[in-house]
Amino acid sequence: MAFAAKRVHVTTDDYPDETSWILTNTCTGAIQEISPLYNDDFTEHVNSYCVPSADYTIEFKDKWGDGICCDEGPGSYEVFYDGELVASGGEFEDSETKTFGSCPTEIPSLQPSLAPSSRPSASPSISVAPSVSMVPTVSTSPSSQPSYQPSVTAQPSIQP
């Protein structure tokens, strides 16, 4: 899964505690991030996040219904996604929603599959842990290395 950097700049007006935002991943429907509580008026707040590459909506809200610009000061917001300015504003009433990004072509499932994939991975993972089998392997040819745990049987071998 690919990830992208997202940065939200909010310059608060005279009533910072009225301002909030919510970022929703529209590919999955999950709420990805929510705004911190803003307490300082006329202050630029910058928050950075690492989010999955996806299609998003960000909704800015003002509890009083007068936006963050211009009646109560020069408030504003800017949203950067993968280094690009994707949304900006501040002059709205109750809320304002902007959309940016795009859904990946294949959305991974949250549950593991019961059967192996019909298409092998182009970049398989490598495990360094040994695999242990409860069933011994039978071979008709001798190994090139001596056994650390020789087998014990009641029958002697044919060769000395």
Protein backbone atom coordinates (compact mmCIF):
# COMPACT_ATOMS: atom_id res chain seq x y z
CA MET A 1 0.00 0.00 0.00
CA ALA A 2 1.38 3.40 -0.95
CA PHE A 3 1.32 6.33 1.44
CA ALA A 4 1.26 10.08 0.89
CA ALA A 5 2.07 13.08 3.04
CA LYS A 6 -0.81 15.37 3.93
CA ARG A 7 -0.39 18.76 5.57
CA VAL A 8 -3.18 20.98 6.86
CA HIS A 9 -2.58 24.67 7.53
CA VAL A 10 -5.32 26.43 9.50
CA THR A 11 -5.14 30.10 10.43
CA THR A 12 -7.76 30.62 13.11
CA ASP A 13 -10.07 33.62 13.43
CA ASP A 14 -11.12 35.33 16.68
CA TYR A 15 -13.01 32.17 17.77
CA PRO A 16 -10.60 29.25 17.18
CA ASP A 17 -12.61 26.73 19.23
CA GLU A 18 -15.45 26.95 16.67
CA THR A 19 -13.20 25.54 13.93
CA SER A 20 -12.74 21.84 13.15
CA TRP A 21 -12.19 19.50 10.21
CA ILE A 22 -12.55 15.80 9.44
CA LEU A 23 -10.70 13.83 6.76
CA THR A 24 -12.55 10.81 5.32
CA ASN A 25 -11.07 8.14 3.05
CA THR A 26 -13.87 7.78 0.47
CA CYS A 27 -12.37 4.53 -0.90
CA THR A 28 -12.98 2.74 2.42
CA GLY A 29 -15.42 5.10 4.16
CA ALA A 30 -13.05 5.30 7.15
CA ILE A 31 -12.40 8.52 9.04
CA GLN A 32 -8.67 9.01 8.49
CA GLU A 33 -7.92 12.05 10.67
CA ILE A 34 -9.72 14.68 12.72
CA SER A 35 -8.55 18.15 13.60
CA PRO A 36 -6.87 18.98 16.87
CA LEU A 37 -8.62 21.42 19.19
CA TYR A 38 -7.76 24.99 18.25
CA ASN A 39 -7.40 27.37 21.21
CA ASP A 40 -5.19 30.20 19.94
CA ASP A 41 -6.89 32.95 17.93
CA PHE A 42 -5.25 34.50 14.85
CA THR A 43 -2.64 31.72 14.80
CA GLU A 44 -1.40 29.52 11.98
CA HIS A 45 -1.55 25.83 12.95
CA VAL A 46 0.28 23.28 10.78
CA ASN A 47 -0.36 19.55 11.16
CA SER A 48 1.33 16.86 9.06
CA TYR A 49 0.12 13.29 8.55
CA CYS A 50 1.13 10.20 6.60
CA VAL A 51 -2.01 8.72 5.04
CA PRO A 52 -2.67 5.87 2.58
CA SER A 53 -2.86 7.01 -1.05
CA ALA A 54 -6.61 7.28 -1.65
CA ASP A 55 -9.53 9.55 -2.52
CA TYR A 56 -10.41 11.90 0.36
CA THR A 57 -12.97 14.45 1.42
CA ILE A 58 -12.03 17.04 3.99
CA GLU A 59 -14.85 18.93 5.64
CA PHE A 60 -14.12 22.17 7.47
CA LYS A 61 -16.76 23.20 10.02
CA ASP A 62 -17.54 26.35 12.00
CA LYS A 63 -19.87 25.89 15.00
CA TRP A 64 -21.20 29.46 14.86
CA GLY A 65 -21.90 29.25 11.11
CA ASP A 66 -19.78 32.18 9.93
CA GLY A 67 -16.74 30.32 8.54
CA ILE A 68 -13.22 31.27 9.54
CA CYS A 69 -12.98 34.34 7.34
CA CYS A 70 -13.77 37.28 7.26
CA ASP A 71 -16.30 38.63 9.79
CA GLU A 72 -14.21 37.56 12.79
CA GLY A 73 -10.72 37.92 11.32
CA PRO A 74 -8.62 36.70 8.40
CA GLY A 75 -8.88 32.96 9.04
CA SER A 76 -8.12 30.46 6.28
CA TYR A 77 -7.09 26.89 5.50
CA GLU A 78 -4.84 25.13 3.01
CA VAL A 79 -4.53 21.39 2.44
CA PHE A 80 -1.48 19.86 0.77
CA TYR A 81 -1.53 16.26 -0.45
CA ASP A 82 1.65 14.67 -1.76
CA GLY A 83 3.24 18.15 -1.87
CA GLU A 84 0.46 19.72 -3.97
CA LEU A 85 -2.07 22.32 -2.81
CA VAL A 86 -5.42 20.52 -3.21
CA ALA A 87 -7.82 22.69 -1.19
CA SER A 88 -7.97 26.19 0.27
CA GLY A 89 -10.57 28.58 1.59
CA GLY A 90 -12.12 29.96 4.74
CA GLU A 91 -15.10 31.98 3.58
CA PHE A 92 -18.05 29.63 4.17
CA GLU A 93 -20.96 29.36 6.58
CA ASP A 94 -21.49 26.12 8.56
CA SER A 95 -19.18 23.86 6.57
CA GLU A 96 -17.23 23.41 3.37
CA THR A 97 -16.13 20.12 1.79
CA LYS A 98 -13.31 19.52 -0.69
CA THR A 99 -12.36 16.28 -2.47
CA PHE A 100 -8.91 15.20 -3.69
CA GLY A 101 -6.85 12.10 -4.53
CA SER A 102 -8.03 8.87 -6.15
CA CYS A 103 -8.83 5.32 -5.05
CA PRO A 104 -6.22 2.64 -5.76
CA THR A 105 -7.19 0.20 -8.50
CA GLU A 106 -7.30 -2.70 -6.03
CA ILE A 107 -8.44 -2.14 -2.46
CA PRO A 108 -6.88 -4.71 -0.11
CA SER A 109 -9.32 -6.72 1.97
CA LEU A 110 -9.20 -6.60 5.74
CA GLN A 111 -9.57 -10.39 6.01
CA PRO A 112 -6.93 -12.90 4.85
CA SER A 113 -7.97 -15.12 1.99
CA LEU A 114 -8.64 -18.81 2.61
CA ALA A 115 -7.07 -19.97 -0.66
CA PRO A 116 -3.82 -18.92 -2.33
CA SER A 117 -3.99 -16.20 -4.94
CA SER A 118 -4.36 -17.29 -8.56
CA ARG A 119 -1.82 -14.61 -9.50
CA PRO A 120 1.53 -14.83 -7.70
CA SER A 121 3.02 -11.64 -6.30
CA ALA A 122 5.49 -9.75 -8.46
CA SER A 123 7.53 -9.09 -5.31
CA PRO A 124 7.11 -11.99 -2.87
CA SER A 125 8.16 -11.60 0.74
CA ILE A 126 11.04 -13.62 2.09
CA SER A 127 10.83 -15.29 5.48
CA VAL A 128 13.97 -15.91 7.52
CA ALA A 129 12.15 -18.20 9.95
CA PRO A 130 12.56 -21.93 9.29
CA SER A 131 9.45 -23.86 8.43
CA VAL A 132 8.69 -26.88 10.59
CA SER A 133 6.81 -29.89 9.31
CA MET A 134 5.11 -32.48 11.48
CA VAL A 135 5.47 -35.05 8.68
CA PRO A 136 9.03 -36.30 7.94
CA THR A 137 10.38 -36.00 4.44
CA VAL A 138 11.27 -39.28 2.72
CA SER A 139 14.18 -39.32 0.32
CA THR A 140 15.70 -42.13 -1.76
CA SER A 141 19.08 -40.46 -2.07
CA PRO A 142 21.51 -39.69 0.75
CA SER A 143 21.97 -36.12 1.86
CA SER A 144 25.17 -34.23 1.20
CA GLN A 145 25.44 -33.29 4.88
CA PRO A 146 25.57 -35.63 7.88
CA SER A 147 22.49 -35.77 10.07
CA TYR A 148 22.64 -34.07 13.46
CA GLN A 149 19.97 -36.41 14.77
CA PRO A 150 20.47 -39.87 13.29
CA SER A 151 17.47 -42.14 13.20
CA VAL A 152 17.28 -45.11 15.55
CA THR A 153 15.72 -48.34 14.28
CA ALA A 154 15.56 -51.95 15.42
CA GLN A 155 16.72 -53.14 11.99
CA PRO A 156 20.37 -52.76 11.04
CA SER A 157 21.18 -51.04 7.77
CA ILE A 158 22.17 -53.05 4.72
CA GLN A 159 25.48 -51.28 4.32
CA PRO A 160 28.16 -51.25 6.99
